Amino acid sequence: FFAIAYITPPLDLQQRHEPQRVIKNMTMATSTITTTTTTTTMTNLLNAAKSSGRCPPSLIGEDRGPNNGKFETRMMGALEQGLNLGSEPIATDNFNAAIKLAQTPPGMGTTTDISTTSRALEQRRCLILAAVGSTAETTPNNPTLKNILNAGFLVKVKSWLDEILDGSVGGMDLLLHLLTNISPLPVTKEMVTSSRLGKAVAALEKHKICVGSLNETSIKNRVRQVKESWSASVKA
C-alpha cells in the first residue's frame, strides 16, 4: 500500500483568497440591506397613500415598482405628515427630484418594458398629485407647494394629461384623479396661462375620452370644479 500525502496549501495562498471571500460576503450583505430598505420605504409610502384615502387602489401597489427606490426615497423626504408636503427647503428639493423621476424617460417608446415603465410612472404621478392635492386643501400657503407651482408644476401636469389622452401613460382612473387633485391648487393667472393646462382641461368636455363615455358625467363635474376653483384662486 502507498501512503497518500495531503499537501496543505501555503498559508500565504489561503490568506490571498480570504479577503476575496470577505469582500463577496460584504457585498451580498450590503445588497440585502439596500433591498430591504428600499422595500420598507415603498411600503411606508404606499401605507401613507392608502391611509389618506386620496389614491385609487387601481393606481398603487408594490407590484408597480420600485426599480431602484430613488423615487420612493425622495417622496418620503418631501412629506411631513401623511401625504402632506413638508415646509423645510429640503422638502422642496426632494419633491422636485420626485417630479423629475415621474417624467417619461427618453426612448421609452422603443424599450421592451413599456408596460412596466408605464405602470411605475402612473403610480408615481398618482402619488405626486395626491400630495399636492392634500397639501392644497389643508395648508394652501405651504412653502413647498408654492415653490413647485412657481417652478412650473402645471407644465408637468399638462404633459401628464397629454400622455393620458394619447394612451401612453395612464387611463381613466388617472385622469379623474388628476382633475380631482389639481382643483384645490392655489394657482395664479400666469401659471394657468403659461402652462396651457386651463385650456387643456376645458377641452376635455369635447374630447372622445369624455363624449359618450360611461365617465362623461364624472369628467364634466370635475372639469367644472377645476374651472370654478381656479377662477376663484386667480381672483383672490
Protein backbone atom coordinates (compact mmCIF):
# COMPACT_ATOMS: atom_id res chain seq x y z
CA PHE A 1 0.00 0.00 0.00
CA PHE A 2 1.10 3.52 -0.72
CA ALA A 3 0.52 6.32 1.73
CA ILE A 4 -1.30 9.30 0.27
CA ALA A 5 0.18 12.59 1.27
CA TYR A 6 -2.12 15.60 1.59
CA ILE A 7 -0.39 18.84 0.88
CA THR A 8 -1.70 21.86 2.74
CA PRO A 9 -1.64 25.00 0.59
CA PRO A 10 0.87 27.55 1.75
CA LEU A 11 -0.51 29.93 4.34
CA ASP A 12 0.05 32.92 2.10
CA LEU A 13 -2.17 31.31 -0.61
CA GLN A 14 -5.00 30.76 1.88
CA GLN A 15 -4.71 34.32 3.07
CA ARG A 16 -4.74 35.54 -0.53
CA HIS A 17 -8.25 34.06 -1.10
CA GLU A 18 -9.67 35.04 2.26
CA PRO A 19 -10.09 38.80 1.53
CA GLN A 20 -11.97 37.91 -1.67
CA ARG A 21 -14.48 35.85 0.31
CA VAL A 22 -14.87 38.63 2.87
CA ILE A 23 -15.48 41.24 0.15
CA LYS A 24 -18.03 38.98 -1.57
CA ASN A 25 -19.88 38.39 1.69
CA MET A 26 -19.87 42.12 2.50
CA THR A 27 -21.23 42.92 -0.98
CA MET A 28 -24.03 40.39 -0.59
CA ALA A 29 -24.90 41.77 2.85
CA THR A 30 -24.95 45.35 1.57
CA SER A 31 -27.20 44.34 -1.32
CA THR A 32 -29.61 42.63 1.08
CA ILE A 33 -29.76 45.68 3.35
CA THR A 34 -30.34 48.01 0.38
CA THR A 35 -33.16 45.82 -0.95
CA THR A 36 -34.78 45.63 2.48
CA THR A 37 -34.53 49.40 2.98
CA THR A 38 -35.99 50.08 -0.47
CA THR A 39 -38.90 47.72 0.15
CA THR A 40 -39.59 49.28 3.55
CA THR A 41 -39.59 52.80 2.07
CA MET A 42 -42.00 51.65 -0.64
CA THR A 43 -44.30 50.04 1.92
CA ASN A 44 -44.31 53.14 4.14
CA LEU A 45 -45.13 55.40 1.20
CA LEU A 46 -47.97 53.20 -0.01
CA ASN A 47 -49.35 52.90 3.53
CA ALA A 48 -49.43 56.70 3.77
CA ALA A 49 -51.21 56.84 0.42
CA LYS A 50 -53.77 54.24 1.44
CA SER A 51 -54.40 55.90 4.81
CA SER A 52 -55.01 59.24 3.11
CA GLY A 53 -57.85 57.83 1.04
CA ARG A 54 -56.72 60.02 -1.87
CA CYS A 55 -55.27 57.34 -4.13
CA PRO A 56 -57.48 54.93 -6.10
CA PRO A 57 -56.42 51.33 -5.27
CA SER A 58 -56.18 50.66 -9.00
CA LEU A 59 -53.27 53.11 -9.30
CA ILE A 60 -50.99 51.95 -6.48
CA GLY A 61 -49.34 48.70 -5.47
CA GLU A 62 -45.93 47.25 -4.67
CA ASP A 63 -46.01 45.36 -7.96
CA ARG A 64 -45.57 48.72 -9.76
CA GLY A 65 -42.04 49.30 -8.51
CA PRO A 66 -39.59 50.38 -7.45
CA ASN A 67 -36.75 49.76 -9.87
CA ASN A 68 -34.17 51.35 -7.57
CA GLY A 69 -36.16 53.08 -4.81
CA LYS A 70 -34.97 56.59 -5.68
CA PHE A 71 -38.46 57.95 -6.26
CA GLU A 72 -39.84 56.48 -3.04
CA THR A 73 -36.92 57.85 -1.01
CA ARG A 74 -37.38 61.33 -2.48
CA MET A 75 -41.13 61.28 -1.86
CA MET A 76 -40.74 60.24 1.76
CA GLY A 77 -38.17 63.01 2.17
CA ALA A 78 -40.71 65.54 0.88
CA LEU A 79 -43.60 64.51 3.11
CA GLU A 80 -44.20 65.68 6.66
CA GLN A 81 -47.47 64.15 7.84
CA GLY A 82 -49.42 61.63 5.84
CA LEU A 83 -49.31 62.82 2.25
CA ASN A 84 -48.85 66.50 3.14
CA LEU A 85 -45.71 68.21 1.90
CA GLY A 86 -43.15 69.40 4.43
CA SER A 87 -42.29 73.06 4.78
CA GLU A 88 -38.50 72.88 5.00
CA PRO A 89 -36.29 73.68 1.97
CA ILE A 90 -35.18 70.03 1.79
CA ALA A 91 -38.81 69.08 1.13
CA THR A 92 -38.84 71.24 -1.99
CA ASP A 93 -35.59 69.68 -3.21
CA ASN A 94 -36.87 66.16 -2.65
CA PHE A 95 -40.25 66.81 -4.24
CA ASN A 96 -38.70 68.40 -7.32
CA ALA A 97 -36.48 65.33 -7.66
CA ALA A 98 -39.52 63.06 -7.33
CA ILE A 99 -41.33 65.02 -10.06
CA LYS A 100 -38.37 64.53 -12.40
CA LEU A 101 -38.45 60.80 -11.71
CA ALA A 102 -42.14 60.75 -12.70
CA GLN A 103 -41.40 62.11 -16.18
CA THR A 104 -41.41 59.80 -19.20
CA PRO A 105 -37.79 58.71 -19.83
CA PRO A 106 -36.28 59.35 -23.27
CA GLY A 107 -36.74 56.42 -25.62
CA MET A 108 -39.49 54.77 -23.60
CA GLY A 109 -41.37 54.02 -26.80
CA THR A 110 -38.50 51.85 -28.05
CA THR A 111 -37.93 49.79 -24.91
CA THR A 112 -39.21 46.28 -24.34
CA ASP A 113 -40.63 47.02 -20.90
CA ILE A 114 -43.03 49.81 -21.90
CA SER A 115 -45.87 48.31 -19.87
CA THR A 116 -43.77 48.04 -16.70
CA THR A 117 -42.40 51.56 -17.08
CA SER A 118 -45.86 52.97 -17.77
CA ARG A 119 -47.31 51.34 -14.64
CA ALA A 120 -44.50 52.71 -12.49
CA LEU A 121 -44.95 56.23 -13.90
CA GLU A 122 -48.70 56.02 -13.40
CA GLN A 123 -48.22 55.24 -9.71
CA ARG A 124 -45.63 57.97 -9.25
CA ARG A 125 -47.88 60.59 -10.80
CA CYS A 126 -50.78 59.39 -8.71
CA LEU A 127 -48.75 59.86 -5.52
CA ILE A 128 -47.44 63.28 -6.55
CA LEU A 129 -50.91 64.53 -7.46
CA ALA A 130 -52.34 63.19 -4.21
CA ALA A 131 -49.62 65.00 -2.24
CA VAL A 132 -50.23 68.39 -3.88
CA GLY A 133 -54.00 67.98 -3.63
CA SER A 134 -53.86 67.05 0.05
CA THR A 135 -51.47 69.89 0.86
CA ALA A 136 -53.52 72.44 -1.09
CA GLU A 137 -56.66 71.52 0.84
CA THR A 138 -55.07 71.58 4.30
CA THR A 139 -52.29 74.20 4.04
CA PRO A 140 -52.58 76.17 0.76
CA ASN A 141 -49.81 78.55 1.90
CA ASN A 142 -47.33 75.69 2.29
CA PRO A 143 -43.94 77.00 1.01
CA THR A 144 -43.06 73.76 -0.77
CA LEU A 145 -46.35 73.80 -2.65
CA LYS A 146 -45.80 77.43 -3.65
CA ASN A 147 -42.23 76.70 -4.73
CA ILE A 148 -43.13 73.82 -7.04
CA LEU A 149 -46.05 75.77 -8.54
CA ASN A 150 -43.77 78.73 -9.23
CA ALA A 151 -41.23 76.35 -10.76
CA GLY A 152 -43.72 75.23 -13.42
CA PHE A 153 -45.50 72.23 -11.91
CA LEU A 154 -48.58 72.85 -14.08
CA VAL A 155 -46.45 72.40 -17.19
CA LYS A 156 -45.55 68.91 -15.96
CA VAL A 157 -49.20 68.16 -15.23
CA LYS A 158 -50.12 69.31 -18.74
CA SER A 159 -47.64 66.78 -20.19
CA TRP A 160 -49.16 64.05 -17.98
CA LEU A 161 -52.64 64.94 -19.21
CA ASP A 162 -51.41 64.77 -22.81
CA GLU A 163 -50.00 61.29 -22.20
CA ILE A 164 -53.27 60.11 -20.67
CA LEU A 165 -55.13 61.31 -23.75
CA ASP A 166 -52.72 59.66 -26.18
CA GLY A 167 -52.81 56.41 -24.21
CA SER A 168 -49.11 56.23 -23.38
CA VAL A 169 -49.26 56.57 -19.58
CA GLY A 170 -52.45 56.24 -17.54
CA GLY A 171 -56.13 55.98 -18.32
CA MET A 172 -59.49 56.99 -16.94
CA ASP A 173 -58.61 56.43 -13.28
CA LEU A 174 -55.54 58.66 -13.51
CA LEU A 175 -57.49 61.29 -15.45
CA LEU A 176 -60.18 61.55 -12.77
CA HIS A 177 -57.51 61.52 -10.06
CA LEU A 178 -55.59 64.30 -11.82
CA LEU A 179 -58.64 66.53 -12.16
CA THR A 180 -59.63 65.98 -8.53
CA ASN A 181 -56.22 66.92 -7.14
CA ILE A 182 -55.39 69.94 -9.29
CA SER A 183 -58.71 71.57 -8.43
CA PRO A 184 -57.67 72.96 -4.99
CA LEU A 185 -54.28 74.26 -6.14
CA PRO A 186 -53.63 77.96 -5.33
CA VAL A 187 -52.87 78.91 -8.92
CA THR A 188 -52.29 82.33 -10.49
CA LYS A 189 -53.41 83.59 -13.89
CA GLU A 190 -49.83 83.44 -15.13
CA MET A 191 -49.49 79.78 -14.11
CA VAL A 192 -52.72 78.76 -15.82
CA THR A 193 -51.99 80.73 -18.98
CA SER A 194 -48.32 79.84 -19.45
CA SER A 195 -48.87 76.14 -18.81
CA ARG A 196 -51.90 75.99 -21.12
CA LEU A 197 -53.34 73.49 -18.68
CA GLY A 198 -56.53 75.51 -18.21
CA LYS A 199 -57.41 75.26 -21.91
CA ALA A 200 -56.50 71.57 -21.98
CA VAL A 201 -58.81 70.83 -19.04
CA ALA A 202 -61.68 72.80 -20.60
CA ALA A 203 -61.21 70.91 -23.89
CA LEU A 204 -61.79 67.58 -22.16
CA GLU A 205 -65.57 68.04 -22.32
CA LYS A 206 -65.43 67.69 -26.11
CA HIS A 207 -62.71 65.06 -26.24
CA LYS A 208 -63.50 61.50 -27.27
CA ILE A 209 -62.37 60.25 -23.87
CA CYS A 210 -65.35 62.09 -22.42
CA VAL A 211 -68.14 62.37 -25.03
CA GLY A 212 -70.44 59.38 -24.88
CA SER A 213 -68.28 57.52 -22.35
CA LEU A 214 -69.52 55.92 -19.13
CA ASN A 215 -67.50 58.53 -17.23
CA GLU A 216 -68.76 61.58 -19.11
CA THR A 217 -70.66 62.96 -16.12
CA SER A 218 -67.73 62.37 -13.75
CA ILE A 219 -65.30 64.12 -16.08
CA LYS A 220 -67.57 67.10 -16.68
CA ASN A 221 -68.22 67.51 -12.96
CA ARG A 222 -64.52 67.57 -12.24
CA VAL A 223 -63.78 69.94 -15.11
CA ARG A 224 -66.43 72.31 -13.77
CA GLN A 225 -64.90 72.11 -10.30
CA VAL A 226 -61.43 72.94 -11.65
CA LYS A 227 -62.82 75.94 -13.56
CA GLU A 228 -64.65 77.28 -10.52
CA SER A 229 -61.79 76.71 -8.08
CA TRP A 230 -59.13 78.15 -10.36
CA SER A 231 -61.28 81.14 -11.24
CA ALA A 232 -61.67 81.93 -7.53
CA SER A 233 -57.91 81.42 -6.94
CA VAL A 234 -56.95 83.74 -9.80
CA LYS A 235 -59.25 86.49 -8.48
CA ALA A 236 -58.08 86.14 -4.89
